[in-house]
N, C-alpha and C. Protein backbone atom coordinates (compact mmCIF):
# COMPACT_ATOMS: atom_id res chain seq x y z
N MET A 1 109.38 64.13 113.76
CA MET A 1 108.18 64.88 113.48
C MET A 1 107.58 65.45 114.76
N VAL A 2 107.57 64.66 115.82
CA VAL A 2 107.03 65.13 117.09
C VAL A 2 107.92 66.22 117.66
N PHE A 3 109.24 66.08 117.47
CA PHE A 3 110.17 67.10 117.95
C PHE A 3 109.92 68.44 117.25
N ARG A 4 109.69 68.38 115.94
CA ARG A 4 109.42 69.60 115.19
C ARG A 4 108.12 70.25 115.64
N LEU A 5 107.12 69.46 115.94
CA LEU A 5 105.86 69.99 116.44
C LEU A 5 106.07 70.65 117.80
N PHE A 6 106.87 70.02 118.65
CA PHE A 6 107.18 70.59 119.96
C PHE A 6 107.90 71.93 119.82
N ILE A 7 108.88 72.00 118.92
CA ILE A 7 109.61 73.25 118.69
C ILE A 7 108.67 74.32 118.14
N PHE A 8 107.78 73.93 117.23
CA PHE A 8 106.83 74.87 116.66
C PHE A 8 105.91 75.44 117.74
N LEU A 9 105.35 74.57 118.58
CA LEU A 9 104.43 75.04 119.63
C LEU A 9 105.16 75.87 120.69
N THR A 10 106.39 75.50 121.00
CA THR A 10 107.18 76.31 121.93
C THR A 10 107.44 77.69 121.34
N GLY A 11 107.81 77.72 120.07
CA GLY A 11 108.03 79.00 119.40
C GLY A 11 106.77 79.84 119.33
N PHE A 12 105.65 79.19 119.11
CA PHE A 12 104.38 79.92 119.06
C PHE A 12 104.07 80.54 120.43
N GLY A 13 104.28 79.78 121.48
CA GLY A 13 104.04 80.31 122.82
C GLY A 13 104.95 81.48 123.16
N LEU A 14 106.22 81.37 122.80
CA LEU A 14 107.15 82.46 123.05
C LEU A 14 106.79 83.70 122.24
N ALA A 15 106.40 83.48 120.97
CA ALA A 15 106.03 84.61 120.13
C ALA A 15 104.78 85.32 120.66
N VAL A 16 103.83 84.56 121.14
CA VAL A 16 102.62 85.16 121.71
C VAL A 16 102.96 85.96 122.96
N ALA A 17 103.78 85.39 123.82
CA ALA A 17 104.16 86.10 125.05
C ALA A 17 104.91 87.40 124.74
N GLY A 18 105.83 87.34 123.80
CA GLY A 18 106.57 88.54 123.43
C GLY A 18 105.70 89.57 122.73
N GLY A 19 104.81 89.11 121.86
CA GLY A 19 103.92 90.03 121.16
C GLY A 19 102.96 90.73 122.10
N VAL A 20 102.41 89.99 123.04
CA VAL A 20 101.49 90.59 124.02
C VAL A 20 102.23 91.61 124.88
N THR A 21 103.47 91.32 125.23
CA THR A 21 104.26 92.27 126.02
C THR A 21 104.51 93.55 125.24
N ILE A 22 104.87 93.41 123.97
CA ILE A 22 105.13 94.59 123.14
C ILE A 22 103.85 95.41 122.97
N ILE A 23 102.73 94.75 122.76
CA ILE A 23 101.46 95.46 122.64
C ILE A 23 101.10 96.14 123.96
N GLY A 24 101.36 95.47 125.07
CA GLY A 24 101.09 96.08 126.37
C GLY A 24 101.92 97.33 126.61
N TYR A 25 103.16 97.31 126.16
CA TYR A 25 104.02 98.48 126.33
C TYR A 25 103.63 99.62 125.40
N LEU A 26 102.76 99.38 124.43
CA LEU A 26 102.27 100.48 123.59
C LEU A 26 101.51 101.52 124.41
N ASN A 27 101.07 101.15 125.60
CA ASN A 27 100.39 102.11 126.48
C ASN A 27 101.32 103.22 126.95
N LEU A 28 102.60 103.10 126.72
CA LEU A 28 103.53 104.17 127.08
C LEU A 28 103.42 105.36 126.14
N ILE A 29 102.98 105.15 124.93
CA ILE A 29 102.90 106.23 123.95
C ILE A 29 101.88 107.30 124.37
N PRO A 30 100.66 106.94 124.82
CA PRO A 30 99.72 107.99 125.22
C PRO A 30 100.15 108.80 126.45
N ILE A 31 101.05 108.28 127.26
CA ILE A 31 101.45 109.03 128.45
C ILE A 31 102.66 109.93 128.19
N GLY A 32 103.06 110.07 126.93
CA GLY A 32 104.08 111.05 126.61
C GLY A 32 105.36 110.53 125.99
N TYR A 33 105.51 109.23 125.85
CA TYR A 33 106.70 108.70 125.20
C TYR A 33 106.58 108.89 123.70
N SER A 34 107.67 109.28 123.05
CA SER A 34 107.66 109.32 121.59
C SER A 34 107.87 107.89 121.08
N PHE A 35 107.68 107.69 119.79
CA PHE A 35 107.84 106.35 119.23
C PHE A 35 109.29 105.89 119.36
N THR A 36 110.22 106.83 119.21
CA THR A 36 111.63 106.49 119.38
C THR A 36 111.93 106.07 120.82
N ASP A 37 111.36 106.81 121.78
CA ASP A 37 111.53 106.43 123.19
C ASP A 37 110.94 105.06 123.46
N TYR A 38 109.80 104.78 122.82
CA TYR A 38 109.14 103.48 122.98
C TYR A 38 110.05 102.37 122.46
N LEU A 39 110.63 102.55 121.29
CA LEU A 39 111.51 101.53 120.72
C LEU A 39 112.76 101.33 121.58
N LEU A 40 113.30 102.42 122.10
CA LEU A 40 114.46 102.29 123.00
C LEU A 40 114.07 101.57 124.29
N PHE A 41 112.88 101.83 124.79
CA PHE A 41 112.42 101.20 126.02
C PHE A 41 112.25 99.69 125.84
N ILE A 42 111.58 99.28 124.75
CA ILE A 42 111.34 97.85 124.57
C ILE A 42 112.62 97.11 124.16
N SER A 43 113.60 97.84 123.61
CA SER A 43 114.85 97.16 123.26
C SER A 43 115.65 96.78 124.51
N LYS A 44 115.33 97.41 125.65
CA LYS A 44 116.02 97.10 126.90
C LYS A 44 115.30 96.06 127.74
N LYS A 45 114.11 95.67 127.33
CA LYS A 45 113.32 94.69 128.09
C LYS A 45 113.55 93.30 127.50
N ILE A 46 113.99 92.38 128.34
CA ILE A 46 114.32 91.03 127.88
C ILE A 46 113.09 90.28 127.40
N GLU A 47 111.93 90.54 127.99
CA GLU A 47 110.74 89.79 127.61
C GLU A 47 110.24 90.16 126.21
N CYS A 48 110.68 91.30 125.69
CA CYS A 48 110.29 91.68 124.33
C CYS A 48 111.05 90.87 123.28
N TYR A 49 112.18 90.31 123.67
CA TYR A 49 112.95 89.48 122.75
C TYR A 49 112.32 88.09 122.56
N LEU A 50 111.33 87.77 123.37
CA LEU A 50 110.65 86.48 123.21
C LEU A 50 109.96 86.38 121.86
N LEU A 51 109.47 87.51 121.34
CA LEU A 51 108.83 87.50 120.02
C LEU A 51 109.82 87.06 118.95
N ILE A 52 111.01 87.62 118.96
CA ILE A 52 112.02 87.28 117.96
C ILE A 52 112.47 85.83 118.12
N ILE A 53 112.70 85.40 119.35
CA ILE A 53 113.12 84.02 119.60
C ILE A 53 112.03 83.04 119.16
N GLY A 54 110.79 83.36 119.47
CA GLY A 54 109.67 82.50 119.08
C GLY A 54 109.53 82.40 117.57
N LEU A 55 109.68 83.53 116.88
CA LEU A 55 109.59 83.51 115.42
C LEU A 55 110.73 82.70 114.81
N LEU A 56 111.91 82.76 115.41
CA LEU A 56 113.02 81.94 114.92
C LEU A 56 112.75 80.45 115.13
N PHE A 57 112.18 80.09 116.28
CA PHE A 57 111.81 78.69 116.53
C PHE A 57 110.81 78.22 115.48
N ILE A 58 109.80 79.03 115.20
CA ILE A 58 108.79 78.66 114.22
C ILE A 58 109.43 78.51 112.84
N TYR A 59 110.27 79.46 112.47
CA TYR A 59 110.93 79.41 111.16
C TYR A 59 111.75 78.13 111.00
N PHE A 60 112.56 77.81 112.01
CA PHE A 60 113.42 76.63 111.90
C PHE A 60 112.62 75.33 111.99
N SER A 61 111.50 75.33 112.70
CA SER A 61 110.70 74.10 112.75
C SER A 61 110.01 73.84 111.42
N ILE A 62 109.71 74.89 110.68
CA ILE A 62 109.04 74.71 109.39
C ILE A 62 110.04 74.46 108.27
N TYR A 63 111.12 75.23 108.23
CA TYR A 63 112.01 75.22 107.08
C TYR A 63 113.28 74.40 107.25
N SER A 64 113.48 73.76 108.38
CA SER A 64 114.66 72.90 108.51
C SER A 64 114.44 71.63 107.68
N PRO A 65 115.51 71.06 107.15
CA PRO A 65 115.35 69.87 106.31
C PRO A 65 114.72 68.71 107.08
N PHE A 66 113.82 68.05 106.44
CA PHE A 66 113.12 66.93 107.05
C PHE A 66 113.95 65.67 106.86
N GLU A 67 114.20 64.95 107.94
CA GLU A 67 114.99 63.72 107.88
C GLU A 67 114.04 62.53 107.84
N LYS A 68 114.19 61.73 106.80
CA LYS A 68 113.35 60.53 106.67
C LYS A 68 114.11 59.34 107.23
N ASN A 69 113.49 58.62 108.12
CA ASN A 69 114.08 57.39 108.66
C ASN A 69 113.56 56.22 107.85
N GLU A 70 114.49 55.46 107.30
CA GLU A 70 114.08 54.33 106.46
C GLU A 70 114.20 53.03 107.19
């Protein structure tokens, strides 16, 4: 149970870091980038993948089978 909580909180932290980075890069649109250019730009940045990795951690911490120790 503690391990699942640790994975959940780690995933939450990664998702927040990745989401903030993606939102920060939205500032490229007003300076002339099209939305397609924006998507291509963030697909090349490794820190933007933290959102996906974090969401996967959260998903697996919630939906993985719970093991009961008897």
